[in-house]
Amino acid sequence: MSSAPDRLLRRLEWRVVRRLDGRLQGTYRTAYRGTGIDFDSLREYAPDDDVRHIDWNVTARLDQPHVRQYTEDRELTAWLVLDQSASMRFGETPQGKDSMLTDLAVCLARLFTRGGNRVGAILYDNHRHRVVPPRTGRDHVLRLTGLVTAPTPDRGGGSTDLAAMLRLAARNARRRGLVFVVSDFIGAGEWAGELTRLALRHEVVAIRVVHPVELELPDLGLVLVEDAETGEQLLADTGDPLFRERLRAEVEARESTVDDAMRRSGVDAHRVRTDEDLVEVLVRMVRRTGRVRR
């Protein structure tokens, strides 16, 4: 009998990865690849190539654009930095933030390892963390799937220390590569500086997972609202126009603050809602990244 991680991996391979093959047509391999250190060879330019890799001397001699290939272009090391804090457990399965994080992590790991690339992971909350060294192969993805889906003990409140999570990623991802940070970016303290420092060495893709209720609270009458990280509770009348207007202003201010921090950090940032189709999410991410890099 197959295990729960194996069933999840098979389901995502069938419902997401297989569908992506027909949508991306190899684009993700050119959108996400190492910048390289050691020169390897030359080849003709393809439409999805990074123009920064064009060898202009060879292009002038041959009257045909050619790009330089580097060792890392073929073997990329990717890291998945996964926020498993209390706020990421908001929402009911299958549309909770932790469910979206799990599906994103498994699909990204499978996509990259299929091409022979290595994937590592950092599973983080304030009370514990786990570092999984980069490896390749389906068995490695299966192990990652088991670790990501393992129950996370509820150890009480405390805002997420995102800066500490990013410093942990920087300490472990020593070789230049690609780093996916999957989080809701809800936490105390200043984290933009650490994200900037991480992006100076690596190509960083920040995937911000949000639940629709966090953006627009439905009218549910009187409800008891609890902060997942601090445990603070508040009885709120969600039908009160003044309360809704105040909440909307707070959401807009929060979104603007996070967006500004992402821009200042110079990372490729994406906001993903938990009710979105994962295939569409990944296609949008890859195509947007390809445009930005070109």
C-alpha atoms as a PDB file:
ATOM      1  CA  MET A   1       0.000   0.000   0.000  1.00  0.00           C
ATOM      2  CA  SER A   2       1.383   3.423  -0.951  1.00  0.00           C
ATOM      3  CA  SER A   3       2.097   6.036   1.700  1.00  0.00           C
ATOM      4  CA  ALA A   4       0.343   9.405   2.026  1.00  0.00           C
ATOM      5  CA  PRO A   5       3.372  11.334   0.630  1.00  0.00           C
ATOM      6  CA  ASP A   6       3.552   8.938  -2.336  1.00  0.00           C
ATOM      7  CA  ARG A   7      -0.165   9.404  -3.065  1.00  0.00           C
ATOM      8  CA  LEU A   8       0.198  13.186  -2.888  1.00  0.00           C
ATOM      9  CA  LEU A   9       3.228  13.196  -5.183  1.00  0.00           C
ATOM     10  CA  ARG A  10       1.467  10.955  -7.714  1.00  0.00           C
ATOM     11  CA  ARG A  11      -1.640  13.156  -7.615  1.00  0.00           C
ATOM     12  CA  LEU A  12       0.376  16.321  -8.231  1.00  0.00           C
ATOM     13  CA  GLU A  13       2.420  14.668 -10.967  1.00  0.00           C
ATOM     14  CA  TRP A  14      -0.808  13.727 -12.730  1.00  0.00           C
ATOM     15  CA  ARG A  15      -2.890  16.849 -12.088  1.00  0.00           C
ATOM     16  CA  VAL A  16      -0.203  19.564 -12.254  1.00  0.00           C
ATOM     17  CA  VAL A  17       3.219  18.501 -13.562  1.00  0.00           C
ATOM     18  CA  ARG A  18       1.819  16.570 -16.529  1.00  0.00           C
ATOM     19  CA  ARG A  19      -0.383  19.528 -17.505  1.00  0.00           C
ATOM     20  CA  LEU A  20       2.570  21.904 -17.233  1.00  0.00           C
ATOM     21  CA  ASP A  21       4.543  19.939 -19.819  1.00  0.00           C
ATOM     22  CA  GLY A  22       2.126  21.058 -22.496  1.00  0.00           C
ATOM     23  CA  ARG A  23       1.905  24.649 -21.270  1.00  0.00           C
ATOM     24  CA  LEU A  24       5.492  25.637 -20.581  1.00  0.00           C
ATOM     25  CA  GLN A  25       7.286  23.701 -23.362  1.00  0.00           C
ATOM     26  CA  GLY A  26      10.613  23.976 -21.577  1.00  0.00           C
ATOM     27  CA  THR A  27      10.256  27.656 -20.737  1.00  0.00           C
ATOM     28  CA  TYR A  28      10.886  27.091 -17.031  1.00  0.00           C
ATOM     29  CA  ARG A  29      14.311  25.672 -17.865  1.00  0.00           C
ATOM     30  CA  THR A  30      15.376  28.979 -19.438  1.00  0.00           C
ATOM     31  CA  ALA A  31      13.526  31.248 -17.004  1.00  0.00           C
ATOM     32  CA  TYR A  32      15.072  29.550 -13.967  1.00  0.00           C
ATOM     33  CA  ARG A  33      18.683  28.541 -14.441  1.00  0.00           C
ATOM     34  CA  GLY A  34      22.040  29.343 -12.910  1.00  0.00           C
ATOM     35  CA  THR A  35      24.065  32.284 -14.099  1.00  0.00           C
ATOM     36  CA  GLY A  36      27.127  30.042 -14.247  1.00  0.00           C
ATOM     37  CA  ILE A  37      30.773  30.527 -13.374  1.00  0.00           C
ATOM     38  CA  ASP A  38      32.723  28.221 -15.714  1.00  0.00           C
ATOM     39  CA  PHE A  39      32.370  28.768 -19.463  1.00  0.00           C
ATOM     40  CA  ASP A  40      31.403  25.561 -21.255  1.00  0.00           C
ATOM     41  CA  SER A  41      30.380  26.147 -24.884  1.00  0.00           C
ATOM     42  CA  LEU A  42      28.537  28.292 -27.415  1.00  0.00           C
ATOM     43  CA  ARG A  43      25.241  27.678 -29.170  1.00  0.00           C
ATOM     44  CA  GLU A  44      22.771  29.618 -31.300  1.00  0.00           C
ATOM     45  CA  TYR A  45      20.465  32.037 -29.519  1.00  0.00           C
ATOM     46  CA  ALA A  46      16.891  30.846 -28.795  1.00  0.00           C
ATOM     47  CA  PRO A  47      13.914  33.184 -28.163  1.00  0.00           C
ATOM     48  CA  ASP A  48      13.741  32.423 -24.417  1.00  0.00           C
ATOM     49  CA  ASP A  49      17.472  32.886 -23.755  1.00  0.00           C
ATOM     50  CA  ASP A  50      18.792  35.575 -21.440  1.00  0.00           C
ATOM     51  CA  VAL A  51      20.252  38.332 -23.651  1.00  0.00           C
ATOM     52  CA  ARG A  52      22.985  38.888 -21.054  1.00  0.00           C
ATOM     53  CA  HIS A  53      24.526  35.574 -22.200  1.00  0.00           C
ATOM     54  CA  ILE A  54      24.967  36.694 -25.820  1.00  0.00           C
ATOM     55  CA  ASP A  55      28.591  36.572 -27.012  1.00  0.00           C
ATOM     56  CA  TRP A  56      28.707  39.687 -29.192  1.00  0.00           C
ATOM     57  CA  ASN A  57      32.128  38.946 -30.710  1.00  0.00           C
ATOM     58  CA  VAL A  58      31.039  35.528 -31.977  1.00  0.00           C
ATOM     59  CA  THR A  59      27.674  36.959 -33.058  1.00  0.00           C
ATOM     60  CA  ALA A  60      29.452  39.604 -35.167  1.00  0.00           C
ATOM     61  CA  ARG A  61      31.787  37.068 -36.809  1.00  0.00           C
ATOM     62  CA  LEU A  62      29.091  34.535 -37.660  1.00  0.00           C
ATOM     63  CA  ASP A  63      26.301  37.044 -38.351  1.00  0.00           C
ATOM     64  CA  GLN A  64      24.062  34.898 -36.156  1.00  0.00           C
ATOM     65  CA  PRO A  65      23.332  35.487 -32.419  1.00  0.00           C
ATOM     66  CA  HIS A  66      25.142  33.005 -30.169  1.00  0.00           C
ATOM     67  CA  VAL A  67      24.984  32.624 -26.390  1.00  0.00           C
ATOM     68  CA  ARG A  68      27.610  31.434 -23.957  1.00  0.00           C
ATOM     69  CA  GLN A  69      26.747  28.349 -21.908  1.00  0.00           C
ATOM     70  CA  TYR A  70      28.081  27.841 -18.422  1.00  0.00           C
ATOM     71  CA  THR A  71      28.392  24.767 -16.257  1.00  0.00           C
ATOM     72  CA  GLU A  72      25.564  25.806 -13.960  1.00  0.00           C
ATOM     73  CA  ASP A  73      23.213  26.333 -16.922  1.00  0.00           C
ATOM     74  CA  ARG A  74      22.845  22.558 -17.046  1.00  0.00           C
ATOM     75  CA  GLU A  75      22.907  21.819 -13.316  1.00  0.00           C
ATOM     76  CA  LEU A  76      21.043  24.253 -11.137  1.00  0.00           C
ATOM     77  CA  THR A  77      20.831  24.127  -7.356  1.00  0.00           C
ATOM     78  CA  ALA A  78      17.453  25.324  -6.081  1.00  0.00           C
ATOM     79  CA  TRP A  79      16.394  25.873  -2.470  1.00  0.00           C
ATOM     80  CA  LEU A  80      12.841  25.899  -1.114  1.00  0.00           C
ATOM     81  CA  VAL A  81      12.571  28.101   1.977  1.00  0.00           C
ATOM     82  CA  LEU A  82       9.214  27.136   3.499  1.00  0.00           C
ATOM     83  CA  ASP A  83       7.488  29.132   6.218  1.00  0.00           C
ATOM     84  CA  GLN A  84       5.641  26.680   8.495  1.00  0.00           C
ATOM     85  CA  SER A  85       4.696  29.215  11.166  1.00  0.00           C
ATOM     86  CA  ALA A  86       1.293  29.433  12.833  1.00  0.00           C
ATOM     87  CA  SER A  87      -0.096  32.046  10.422  1.00  0.00           C
ATOM     88  CA  MET A  88       0.521  29.656   7.513  1.00  0.00           C
ATOM     89  CA  ARG A  89      -1.976  27.215   9.026  1.00  0.00           C
ATOM     90  CA  PHE A  90      -4.838  29.638   8.313  1.00  0.00           C
ATOM     91  CA  GLY A  91      -7.730  28.249   6.264  1.00  0.00           C
ATOM     92  CA  GLU A  92      -9.349  24.865   5.912  1.00  0.00           C
ATOM     93  CA  THR A  93      -7.905  22.112   3.697  1.00  0.00           C
ATOM     94  CA  PRO A  94      -7.744  22.021   0.687  1.00  0.00           C
ATOM     95  CA  GLN A  95      -7.701  25.832   0.443  1.00  0.00           C
ATOM     96  CA  GLY A  96      -5.536  26.613   3.443  1.00  0.00           C
ATOM     97  CA  LYS A  97      -2.245  28.450   3.106  1.00  0.00           C
ATOM     98  CA  ASP A  98      -0.273  25.426   4.299  1.00  0.00           C
ATOM     99  CA  SER A  99      -1.942  23.285   1.619  1.00  0.00           C
ATOM    100  CA  MET A 100      -0.900  25.726  -1.105  1.00  0.00           C
ATOM    101  CA  LEU A 101       2.641  25.854   0.311  1.00  0.00           C
ATOM    102  CA  THR A 102       2.839  22.048   0.246  1.00  0.00           C
ATOM    103  CA  ASP A 103       1.582  21.745  -3.332  1.00  0.00           C
ATOM    104  CA  LEU A 104       3.899  24.513  -4.543  1.00  0.00           C
ATOM    105  CA  ALA A 105       6.922  22.962  -2.840  1.00  0.00           C
ATOM    106  CA  VAL A 106       6.274  19.459  -4.186  1.00  0.00           C
ATOM    107  CA  CYS A 107       5.595  20.632  -7.746  1.00  0.00           C
ATOM    108  CA  LEU A 108       8.640  22.904  -7.862  1.00  0.00           C
ATOM    109  CA  ALA A 109      10.864  20.154  -6.492  1.00  0.00           C
ATOM    110  CA  ARG A 110       9.561  17.654  -9.039  1.00  0.00           C
ATOM    111  CA  LEU A 111       9.900  20.065 -11.962  1.00  0.00           C
ATOM    112  CA  PHE A 112      13.529  20.861 -11.183  1.00  0.00           C
ATOM    113  CA  THR A 113      14.698  17.365 -10.263  1.00  0.00           C
ATOM    114  CA  ARG A 114      13.260  15.930 -13.489  1.00  0.00           C
ATOM    115  CA  GLY A 115      15.851  17.991 -15.341  1.00  0.00           C
ATOM    116  CA  GLY A 116      18.679  16.612 -13.214  1.00  0.00           C
ATOM    117  CA  ASN A 117      18.864  19.675 -10.974  1.00  0.00           C
ATOM    118  CA  ARG A 118      19.352  19.474  -7.232  1.00  0.00           C
ATOM    119  CA  VAL A 119      16.761  20.779  -4.764  1.00  0.00           C
ATOM    120  CA  GLY A 120      17.239  21.467  -1.067  1.00  0.00           C
ATOM    121  CA  ALA A 121      14.744  22.735   1.485  1.00  0.00           C
ATOM    122  CA  ILE A 122      14.533  24.695   4.721  1.00  0.00           C
ATOM    123  CA  LEU A 123      11.412  24.056   6.818  1.00  0.00           C
ATOM    124  CA  TYR A 124      11.089  26.850   9.348  1.00  0.00           C
ATOM    125  CA  ASP A 125       9.014  28.058  12.249  1.00  0.00           C
ATOM    126  CA  ASN A 126      10.066  30.024  15.329  1.00  0.00           C
ATOM    127  CA  HIS A 127      10.517  26.916  17.471  1.00  0.00           C
ATOM    128  CA  ARG A 128      12.245  24.549  15.093  1.00  0.00           C
ATOM    129  CA  HIS A 129      13.793  24.273  11.677  1.00  0.00           C
ATOM    130  CA  ARG A 130      14.985  21.506   9.431  1.00  0.00           C
ATOM    131  CA  VAL A 131      17.541  21.749   6.643  1.00  0.00           C
ATOM    132  CA  VAL A 132      17.385  19.194   3.829  1.00  0.00           C
ATOM    133  CA  PRO A 133      20.590  19.170   1.711  1.00  0.00           C
ATOM    134  CA  PRO A 134      20.147  19.513  -2.061  1.00  0.00           C
ATOM    135  CA  ARG A 135      19.780  16.275  -3.995  1.00  0.00           C
ATOM    136  CA  THR A 136      18.082  15.118  -7.167  1.00  0.00           C
ATOM    137  CA  GLY A 137      15.731  12.290  -8.140  1.00  0.00           C
ATOM    138  CA  ARG A 138      12.150  11.309  -7.453  1.00  0.00           C
ATOM    139  CA  ASP A 139      13.035   9.533  -4.194  1.00  0.00           C
ATOM    140  CA  HIS A 140      14.426  12.801  -2.875  1.00  0.00           C
ATOM    141  CA  VAL A 141      11.200  14.617  -3.813  1.00  0.00           C
ATOM    142  CA  LEU A 142       9.229  11.880  -2.059  1.00  0.00           C
ATOM    143  CA  ARG A 143      11.282  12.413   1.103  1.00  0.00           C
ATOM    144  CA  LEU A 144      10.698  16.184   0.904  1.00  0.00           C
ATOM    145  CA  THR A 145       6.982  15.548   0.460  1.00  0.00           C
ATOM    146  CA  GLY A 146       6.930  13.468   3.638  1.00  0.00           C
ATOM    147  CA  LEU A 147       8.741  16.159   5.628  1.00  0.00           C
ATOM    148  CA  VAL A 148       6.549  19.014   4.374  1.00  0.00           C
ATOM    149  CA  THR A 149       3.312  17.122   5.091  1.00  0.00           C
ATOM    150  CA  ALA A 150       4.377  15.910   8.545  1.00  0.00           C
ATOM    151  CA  PRO A 151       2.205  17.389  11.340  1.00  0.00           C
ATOM    152  CA  THR A 152       3.619  20.603  12.801  1.00  0.00           C
ATOM    153  CA  PRO A 153       3.341  20.772  16.607  1.00  0.00           C
ATOM    154  CA  ASP A 154       1.351  23.740  17.922  1.00  0.00           C
ATOM    155  CA  ARG A 155       3.756  25.387  20.338  1.00  0.00           C
ATOM    156  CA  GLY A 156       1.810  28.558  20.959  1.00  0.00           C
ATOM    157  CA  GLY A 157       2.123  32.140  19.786  1.00  0.00           C
ATOM    158  CA  GLY A 158       4.883  34.485  18.795  1.00  0.00           C
ATOM    159  CA  SER A 159       5.205  36.402  15.538  1.00  0.00           C
ATOM    160  CA  THR A 160       7.307  34.772  12.842  1.00  0.00           C
ATOM    161  CA  ASP A 161      10.940  35.883  12.771  1.00  0.00           C
ATOM    162  CA  LEU A 162      11.223  36.145   8.992  1.00  0.00           C
ATOM    163  CA  ALA A 163      14.652  37.745   9.203  1.00  0.00           C
ATOM    164  CA  ALA A 164      15.980  34.692  11.072  1.00  0.00           C
ATOM    165  CA  MET A 165      14.442  32.392   8.444  1.00  0.00           C
ATOM    166  CA  LEU A 166      16.187  34.302   5.648  1.00  0.00           C
ATOM    167  CA  ARG A 167      19.508  34.337   7.503  1.00  0.00           C
ATOM    168  CA  LEU A 168      19.229  30.564   7.918  1.00  0.00           C
ATOM    169  CA  ALA A 169      18.692  30.253   4.167  1.00  0.00           C
ATOM    170  CA  ALA A 170      21.739  32.408   3.432  1.00  0.00           C
ATOM    171  CA  ARG A 171      23.955  30.320   5.735  1.00  0.00           C
ATOM    172  CA  ASN A 172      22.972  27.047   4.081  1.00  0.00           C
ATOM    173  CA  ALA A 173      22.672  28.085   0.420  1.00  0.00           C
ATOM    174  CA  ARG A 174      26.365  28.804  -0.028  1.00  0.00           C
ATOM    175  CA  ARG A 175      26.705  28.045  -3.729  1.00  0.00           C
ATOM    176  CA  ARG A 176      25.051  30.595  -5.977  1.00  0.00           C
ATOM    177  CA  GLY A 177      21.681  29.290  -7.141  1.00  0.00           C
ATOM    178  CA  LEU A 178      17.936  29.800  -7.121  1.00  0.00           C
ATOM    179  CA  VAL A 179      16.017  30.354  -3.883  1.00  0.00           C
ATOM    180  CA  PHE A 180      12.216  30.151  -3.591  1.00  0.00           C
ATOM    181  CA  VAL A 181      10.879  31.757  -0.413  1.00  0.00           C
ATOM    182  CA  VAL A 182       7.305  30.568   0.177  1.00  0.00           C
ATOM    183  CA  SER A 183       5.595  32.481   3.002  1.00  0.00           C
ATOM    184  CA  ASP A 184       2.747  34.808   3.817  1.00  0.00           C
ATOM    185  CA  PHE A 185       5.390  37.324   4.953  1.00  0.00           C
ATOM    186  CA  ILE A 186       3.420  37.991   8.131  1.00  0.00           C
ATOM    187  CA  GLY A 187       5.829  38.544  10.981  1.00  0.00           C
ATOM    188  CA  ALA A 188       7.362  41.000  13.385  1.00  0.00           C
ATOM    189  CA  GLY A 189      10.518  42.981  12.767  1.00  0.00           C
ATOM    190  CA  GLU A 190      12.409  44.105   9.686  1.00  0.00           C
ATOM    191  CA  TRP A 191      12.993  41.384   7.103  1.00  0.00           C
ATOM    192  CA  ALA A 192      13.508  43.346   3.878  1.00  0.00           C
ATOM    193  CA  GLY A 193      17.214  43.846   4.579  1.00  0.00           C
ATOM    194  CA  GLU A 194      17.827  40.112   4.921  1.00  0.00           C
ATOM    195  CA  LEU A 195      15.866  39.455   1.724  1.00  0.00           C
ATOM    196  CA  THR A 196      18.023  42.026  -0.069  1.00  0.00           C
ATOM    197  CA  ARG A 197      21.230  40.385   1.166  1.00  0.00           C
ATOM    198  CA  LEU A 198      19.976  36.975   0.048  1.00  0.00           C
ATOM    199  CA  ALA A 199      19.190  38.386  -3.406  1.00  0.00           C
ATOM    200  CA  LEU A 200      22.714  39.797  -3.767  1.00  0.00           C
ATOM    201  CA  ARG A 201      24.098  36.255  -3.971  1.00  0.00           C
ATOM    202  CA  HIS A 202      21.179  34.253  -5.379  1.00  0.00           C
ATOM    203  CA  GLU A 203      18.292  34.620  -7.757  1.00  0.00           C
ATOM    204  CA  VAL A 204      15.405  34.893  -5.315  1.00  0.00           C
ATOM    205  CA  VAL A 205      11.742  34.230  -6.079  1.00  0.00           C
ATOM    206  CA  ALA A 206       9.404  35.345  -3.284  1.00  0.00           C
ATOM    207  CA  ILE A 207       6.043  33.561  -3.360  1.00  0.00           C
ATOM    208  CA  ARG A 208       3.590  35.223  -0.993  1.00  0.00           C
ATOM    209  CA  VAL A 209       0.666  32.945  -0.123  1.00  0.00           C
ATOM    210  CA  VAL A 210      -2.553  34.678   0.919  1.00  0.00           C
ATOM    211  CA  HIS A 211      -6.054  33.467   1.765  1.00  0.00           C
ATOM    212  CA  PRO A 212      -8.984  35.355   0.150  1.00  0.00           C
ATOM    213  CA  VAL A 213     -10.423  36.120   3.606  1.00  0.00           C
ATOM    214  CA  GLU A 214      -7.219  38.005   4.457  1.00  0.00           C
ATOM    215  CA  LEU A 215      -7.892  40.341   1.539  1.00  0.00           C
ATOM    216  CA  GLU A 216     -11.685  40.714   1.791  1.00  0.00           C
ATOM    217  CA  LEU A 217     -13.513  39.611   4.938  1.00  0.00           C
ATOM    218  CA  PRO A 218     -17.026  38.292   4.150  1.00  0.00           C
ATOM    219  CA  ASP A 219     -20.055  39.523   6.104  1.00  0.00           C
ATOM    220  CA  LEU A 220     -20.473  36.794   8.727  1.00  0.00           C
ATOM    221  CA  GLY A 221     -22.075  38.854  11.468  1.00  0.00           C
ATOM    222  CA  LEU A 222     -20.466  38.681  14.916  1.00  0.00           C
ATOM    223  CA  VAL A 223     -17.339  36.503  14.849  1.00  0.00           C
ATOM    224  CA  LEU A 224     -14.466  35.833  17.211  1.00  0.00           C
ATOM    225  CA  VAL A 225     -11.244  36.667  15.364  1.00  0.00           C
ATOM    226  CA  GLU A 226      -7.951  35.250  16.649  1.00  0.00           C
ATOM    227  CA  ASP A 227      -4.413  36.117  15.575  1.00  0.00           C
ATOM    228  CA  ALA A 228      -2.807  32.743  14.827  1.00  0.00           C
ATOM    229  CA  GLU A 229       0.648  33.934  15.884  1.00  0.00           C
ATOM    230  CA  THR A 230      -0.053  36.048  18.981  1.00  0.00           C
ATOM    231  CA  GLY A 231      -3.241  34.350  20.182  1.00  0.00           C
ATOM    232  CA  GLU A 232      -4.950  37.738  20.592  1.00  0.00           C
ATOM    233  CA  GLN A 233      -8.750  37.489  20.240  1.00  0.00           C
ATOM    234  CA  LEU A 234     -11.276  40.094  19.165  1.00  0.00           C
ATOM    235  CA  LEU A 235     -15.066  39.972  18.841  1.00  0.00           C
ATOM    236  CA  ALA A 236     -15.839  41.719  15.562  1.00  0.00           C
ATOM    237  CA  ASP A 237     -19.045  42.666  13.787  1.00  0.00           C
ATOM    238  CA  THR A 238     -18.124  41.881  10.191  1.00  0.00           C
ATOM    239  CA  GLY A 239     -21.302  43.534   8.943  1.00  0.00           C
ATOM    240  CA  ASP A 240     -20.451  46.937  10.452  1.00  0.00           C
ATOM    241  CA  PRO A 241     -19.630  49.342   7.562  1.00  0.00           C
ATOM    242  CA  LEU A 242     -17.144  51.320   9.680  1.00  0.00           C
ATOM    243  CA  PHE A 243     -15.344  48.135  10.759  1.00  0.00           C
ATOM    244  CA  ARG A 244     -15.182  46.897   7.175  1.00  0.00           C
ATOM    245  CA  GLU A 245     -13.843  50.224   5.913  1.00  0.00           C
ATOM    246  CA  ARG A 246     -11.191  50.337   8.633  1.00  0.00           C
ATOM    247  CA  LEU A 247     -10.193  46.748   7.880  1.00  0.00           C
ATOM    248  CA  ARG A 248     -10.007  47.471   4.150  1.00  0.00           C
ATOM    249  CA  ALA A 249      -7.679  50.414   4.797  1.00  0.00           C
ATOM    250  CA  GLU A 250      -5.463  48.254   6.991  1.00  0.00           C
ATOM    251  CA  VAL A 251      -5.285  45.551   4.303  1.00  0.00           C
ATOM    252  CA  GLU A 252      -4.353  48.084   1.621  1.00  0.00           C
ATOM    253  CA  ALA A 253      -1.654  49.574   3.856  1.00  0.00           C
ATOM    254  CA  ARG A 254      -0.243  46.100   4.630  1.00  0.00           C
ATOM    255  CA  GLU A 255      -0.228  45.074   0.971  1.00  0.00           C
ATOM    256  CA  SER A 256       1.484  48.308  -0.032  1.00  0.00           C
ATOM    257  CA  THR A 257       4.141  47.895   2.664  1.00  0.00           C
ATOM    258  CA  VAL A 258       4.949  44.322   1.614  1.00  0.00           C
ATOM    259  CA  ASP A 259       5.003  45.215  -2.096  1.00  0.00           C
ATOM    260  CA  ASP A 260       7.379  48.119  -1.428  1.00  0.00           C
ATOM    261  CA  ALA A 261       9.686  45.866   0.599  1.00  0.00           C
ATOM    262  CA  MET A 262       9.776  43.312  -2.229  1.00  0.00           C
ATOM    263  CA  ARG A 263      10.606  45.991  -4.799  1.00  0.00           C
ATOM    264  CA  ARG A 264      13.385  47.443  -2.648  1.00  0.00           C
ATOM    265  CA  SER A 265      14.834  43.967  -2.168  1.00  0.00           C
ATOM    266  CA  GLY A 266      15.077  43.430  -5.921  1.00  0.00           C
ATOM    267  CA  VAL A 267      13.469  39.975  -5.874  1.00  0.00           C
ATOM    268  CA  ASP A 268      11.030  38.397  -8.308  1.00  0.00           C
ATOM    269  CA  ALA A 269       7.829  38.605  -6.238  1.00  0.00           C
ATOM    270  CA  HIS A 270       4.509  36.803  -6.753  1.00  0.00           C
ATOM    271  CA  ARG A 271       1.282  36.851  -4.751  1.00  0.00           C
ATOM    272  CA  VAL A 272      -0.642  33.563  -4.836  1.00  0.00           C
ATOM    273  CA  ARG A 273      -4.180  33.128  -3.524  1.00  0.00           C
ATOM    274  CA  THR A 274      -5.121  29.792  -2.038  1.00  0.00           C
ATOM    275  CA  ASP A 275      -8.192  29.523  -4.294  1.00  0.00           C
ATOM    276  CA  GLU A 276      -6.159  29.781  -7.523  1.00  0.00           C
ATOM    277  CA  ASP A 277      -5.470  26.887  -9.871  1.00  0.00           C
ATOM    278  CA  LEU A 278      -1.909  25.727  -9.277  1.00  0.00           C
ATOM    279  CA  VAL A 279      -1.182  25.143 -12.973  1.00  0.00           C
ATOM    280  CA  GLU A 280      -2.176  28.711 -13.820  1.00  0.00           C
ATOM    281  CA  VAL A 281      -0.102  29.998 -10.893  1.00  0.00           C
ATOM    282  CA  LEU A 282       3.060  28.233 -12.061  1.00  0.00           C
ATOM    283  CA  VAL A 283       2.578  29.182 -15.719  1.00  0.00           C
ATOM    284  CA  ARG A 284       2.119  32.831 -14.732  1.00  0.00           C
ATOM    285  CA  MET A 285       5.185  32.761 -12.497  1.00  0.00           C
ATOM    286  CA  VAL A 286       7.463  31.231 -15.110  1.00  0.00           C
ATOM    287  CA  ARG A 287       6.317  33.442 -17.977  1.00  0.00           C
ATOM    288  CA  ARG A 288       6.560  36.600 -15.903  1.00  0.00           C
ATOM    289  CA  THR A 289      10.026  35.635 -14.687  1.00  0.00           C
ATOM    290  CA  GLY A 290      11.128  34.982 -18.275  1.00  0.00           C
ATOM    291  CA  ARG A 291       9.964  38.456 -19.337  1.00  0.00           C
ATOM    292  CA  VAL A 292      11.700  40.129 -16.414  1.00  0.00           C
ATOM    293  CA  ARG A 293      15.010  38.349 -17.076  1.00  0.00           C
ATOM    294  CA  ARG A 294      14.951  39.197 -20.769  1.00  0.00           C
END
